[in-house]
């Protein structure tokens, strides 16, 4: 059986671009909107770029839930539901749910994964 393809994450602007580096061992090739020179981009642009790059959108912004319902996948949306938290809190949450995120990326029913 071929090795699993690790999902790539695409982080929305309010999240730190440090997440790409902090999670490189478990989510290699992940991207951040600012690292693509698109800081300040509209949610629809974030959505399109994540789709073009084959990534899952990761954000705390519920507007992406609306886009997921409206447009469906791809991309899929990982909704971080932590209140005030640090970048390390988010990194730990994504690490803790690594297996769930892989399963989510491989299935075809759900387009939103809520983590919190």
C-alpha atoms as a PDB file:
ATOM      1  CA  UNK A   1       0.000   0.000   0.000  1.00  0.00           C
ATOM      2  CA  UNK A   2       1.482   3.382  -0.960  1.00  0.00           C
ATOM      3  CA  UNK A   3       2.418   5.760   1.851  1.00  0.00           C
ATOM      4  CA  UNK A   4      -0.293   8.212   2.809  1.00  0.00           C
ATOM      5  CA  UNK A   5      -0.076  11.637   1.246  1.00  0.00           C
ATOM      6  CA  UNK A   6       0.146  14.127   4.101  1.00  0.00           C
ATOM      7  CA  UNK A   7      -2.410  16.899   3.834  1.00  0.00           C
ATOM      8  CA  UNK A   8      -0.970  20.377   3.398  1.00  0.00           C
ATOM      9  CA  UNK A   9      -2.421  23.158   5.498  1.00  0.00           C
ATOM     10  CA  UNK A  10      -3.078  26.708   4.331  1.00  0.00           C
ATOM     11  CA  UNK A  11      -3.146  29.205   7.211  1.00  0.00           C
ATOM     12  CA  UNK A  12      -5.344  32.289   7.135  1.00  0.00           C
ATOM     13  CA  UNK A  13      -3.810  35.698   7.891  1.00  0.00           C
ATOM     14  CA  UNK A  14      -4.744  36.091  11.590  1.00  0.00           C
ATOM     15  CA  UNK A  15      -2.801  32.894  12.382  1.00  0.00           C
ATOM     16  CA  UNK A  16       0.985  33.058  12.658  1.00  0.00           C
ATOM     17  CA  UNK A  17       3.130  32.068   9.691  1.00  0.00           C
ATOM     18  CA  UNK A  18       5.332  30.336  12.302  1.00  0.00           C
ATOM     19  CA  UNK A  19       2.802  27.483  12.186  1.00  0.00           C
ATOM     20  CA  UNK A  20       4.259  26.345   8.830  1.00  0.00           C
ATOM     21  CA  UNK A  21       7.645  25.809  10.471  1.00  0.00           C
ATOM     22  CA  UNK A  22       6.316  24.499  13.803  1.00  0.00           C
ATOM     23  CA  UNK A  23       4.291  21.815  11.993  1.00  0.00           C
ATOM     24  CA  UNK A  24       6.666  21.046   9.097  1.00  0.00           C
ATOM     25  CA  UNK A  25       7.417  17.560  10.478  1.00  0.00           C
ATOM     26  CA  UNK A  26       3.737  16.499  10.512  1.00  0.00           C
ATOM     27  CA  UNK A  27       2.234  18.727   7.793  1.00  0.00           C
ATOM     28  CA  UNK A  28       5.113  19.278   5.343  1.00  0.00           C
ATOM     29  CA  UNK A  29       4.643  21.839   2.594  1.00  0.00           C
ATOM     30  CA  UNK A  30       2.038  23.854   4.465  1.00  0.00           C
ATOM     31  CA  UNK A  31       1.539  27.478   3.399  1.00  0.00           C
ATOM     32  CA  UNK A  32       0.514  30.798   4.909  1.00  0.00           C
ATOM     33  CA  UNK A  33      -1.306  33.532   2.993  1.00  0.00           C
ATOM     34  CA  UNK A  34       1.374  36.115   3.912  1.00  0.00           C
ATOM     35  CA  UNK A  35       4.195  33.832   2.738  1.00  0.00           C
ATOM     36  CA  UNK A  36       2.570  33.965  -0.710  1.00  0.00           C
ATOM     37  CA  UNK A  37       2.666  37.772  -0.607  1.00  0.00           C
ATOM     38  CA  UNK A  38      -1.118  37.937  -0.281  1.00  0.00           C
ATOM     39  CA  UNK A  39      -1.478  39.560   3.154  1.00  0.00           C
ATOM     40  CA  UNK A  40      -4.790  41.388   3.427  1.00  0.00           C
ATOM     41  CA  UNK A  41      -6.431  39.152   0.823  1.00  0.00           C
ATOM     42  CA  UNK A  42     -10.196  38.629   0.950  1.00  0.00           C
ATOM     43  CA  UNK A  43     -11.490  35.296   2.293  1.00  0.00           C
ATOM     44  CA  UNK A  44     -12.515  34.277  -1.238  1.00  0.00           C
ATOM     45  CA  UNK A  45      -8.894  34.756  -2.376  1.00  0.00           C
ATOM     46  CA  UNK A  46      -7.598  32.664   0.545  1.00  0.00           C
ATOM     47  CA  UNK A  47     -10.139  29.978  -0.441  1.00  0.00           C
ATOM     48  CA  UNK A  48      -9.063  30.011  -4.108  1.00  0.00           C
ATOM     49  CA  UNK A  49      -5.340  29.934  -3.296  1.00  0.00           C
ATOM     50  CA  UNK A  50      -5.803  27.005  -0.902  1.00  0.00           C
ATOM     51  CA  UNK A  51      -7.702  25.142  -3.640  1.00  0.00           C
ATOM     52  CA  UNK A  52      -5.034  25.926  -6.249  1.00  0.00           C
ATOM     53  CA  UNK A  53      -2.294  24.670  -3.921  1.00  0.00           C
ATOM     54  CA  UNK A  54      -4.221  21.544  -2.868  1.00  0.00           C
ATOM     55  CA  UNK A  55      -4.340  22.544   0.800  1.00  0.00           C
ATOM     56  CA  UNK A  56      -6.865  22.493   3.637  1.00  0.00           C
ATOM     57  CA  UNK A  57      -7.809  25.995   4.843  1.00  0.00           C
ATOM     58  CA  UNK A  58      -7.019  26.457   8.559  1.00  0.00           C
ATOM     59  CA  UNK A  59      -8.619  29.437  10.274  1.00  0.00           C
ATOM     60  CA  UNK A  60     -10.529  30.656  13.317  1.00  0.00           C
ATOM     61  CA  UNK A  61     -12.762  32.720  10.985  1.00  0.00           C
ATOM     62  CA  UNK A  62     -16.288  31.363  10.694  1.00  0.00           C
ATOM     63  CA  UNK A  63     -16.686  33.059   7.289  1.00  0.00           C
ATOM     64  CA  UNK A  64     -14.843  30.052   5.844  1.00  0.00           C
ATOM     65  CA  UNK A  65     -17.633  27.829   7.163  1.00  0.00           C
ATOM     66  CA  UNK A  66     -20.020  29.814   4.952  1.00  0.00           C
ATOM     67  CA  UNK A  67     -17.677  29.419   1.960  1.00  0.00           C
ATOM     68  CA  UNK A  68     -17.444  25.656   2.596  1.00  0.00           C
ATOM     69  CA  UNK A  69     -21.242  25.358   2.679  1.00  0.00           C
ATOM     70  CA  UNK A  70     -21.668  27.626  -0.353  1.00  0.00           C
ATOM     71  CA  UNK A  71     -18.930  26.208  -2.597  1.00  0.00           C
ATOM     72  CA  UNK A  72     -18.204  22.746  -1.169  1.00  0.00           C
ATOM     73  CA  UNK A  73     -14.766  21.169  -1.430  1.00  0.00           C
ATOM     74  CA  UNK A  74     -12.062  21.617  -2.472  1.00  0.00           C
ATOM     75  CA  UNK A  75     -10.677  23.066  -0.380  1.00  0.00           C
ATOM     76  CA  UNK A  76     -11.841  21.664   2.914  1.00  0.00           C
ATOM     77  CA  UNK A  77     -11.862  23.789   6.052  1.00  0.00           C
ATOM     78  CA  UNK A  78     -10.275  23.057   9.443  1.00  0.00           C
ATOM     79  CA  UNK A  79     -12.045  25.394  11.848  1.00  0.00           C
ATOM     80  CA  UNK A  80      -9.955  26.238  14.923  1.00  0.00           C
ATOM     81  CA  UNK A  81     -12.385  26.859  17.768  1.00  0.00           C
ATOM     82  CA  UNK A  82     -10.101  28.046  20.533  1.00  0.00           C
ATOM     83  CA  UNK A  83     -10.739  31.442  22.116  1.00  0.00           C
ATOM     84  CA  UNK A  84      -7.739  33.587  22.953  1.00  0.00           C
ATOM     85  CA  UNK A  85      -4.779  31.293  22.434  1.00  0.00           C
ATOM     86  CA  UNK A  86      -1.135  31.266  21.474  1.00  0.00           C
ATOM     87  CA  UNK A  87       0.459  29.989  18.285  1.00  0.00           C
ATOM     88  CA  UNK A  88       1.813  27.076  20.349  1.00  0.00           C
ATOM     89  CA  UNK A  89      -1.740  26.231  21.503  1.00  0.00           C
ATOM     90  CA  UNK A  90      -2.847  26.013  17.862  1.00  0.00           C
ATOM     91  CA  UNK A  91       0.224  23.956  16.891  1.00  0.00           C
ATOM     92  CA  UNK A  92      -0.450  21.534  19.757  1.00  0.00           C
ATOM     93  CA  UNK A  93      -4.134  21.266  18.794  1.00  0.00           C
ATOM     94  CA  UNK A  94      -3.234  20.434  15.181  1.00  0.00           C
ATOM     95  CA  UNK A  95      -0.612  17.896  16.317  1.00  0.00           C
ATOM     96  CA  UNK A  96      -3.071  16.266  18.714  1.00  0.00           C
ATOM     97  CA  UNK A  97      -5.599  15.911  15.865  1.00  0.00           C
ATOM     98  CA  UNK A  98      -3.053  14.856  13.204  1.00  0.00           C
ATOM     99  CA  UNK A  99      -4.792  11.506  12.556  1.00  0.00           C
ATOM    100  CA  UNK A 100      -8.241  13.177  12.469  1.00  0.00           C
ATOM    101  CA  UNK A 101      -6.997  15.735   9.932  1.00  0.00           C
ATOM    102  CA  UNK A 102      -5.573  12.981   7.706  1.00  0.00           C
ATOM    103  CA  UNK A 103      -8.872  11.048   7.856  1.00  0.00           C
ATOM    104  CA  UNK A 104     -10.800  14.275   7.162  1.00  0.00           C
ATOM    105  CA  UNK A 105      -8.643  15.046   4.114  1.00  0.00           C
ATOM    106  CA  UNK A 106      -9.118  11.520   2.716  1.00  0.00           C
ATOM    107  CA  UNK A 107     -12.914  11.241   3.090  1.00  0.00           C
ATOM    108  CA  UNK A 108     -15.470  12.795   0.751  1.00  0.00           C
ATOM    109  CA  UNK A 109     -18.488  13.565   2.946  1.00  0.00           C
ATOM    110  CA  UNK A 110     -17.564  16.365   5.348  1.00  0.00           C
ATOM    111  CA  UNK A 111     -16.096  19.659   4.155  1.00  0.00           C
ATOM    112  CA  UNK A 112     -15.573  21.214   7.623  1.00  0.00           C
ATOM    113  CA  UNK A 113     -13.605  19.803  10.581  1.00  0.00           C
ATOM    114  CA  UNK A 114     -14.136  21.673  13.855  1.00  0.00           C
ATOM    115  CA  UNK A 115     -11.254  21.468  16.341  1.00  0.00           C
ATOM    116  CA  UNK A 116     -11.250  23.039  19.775  1.00  0.00           C
END
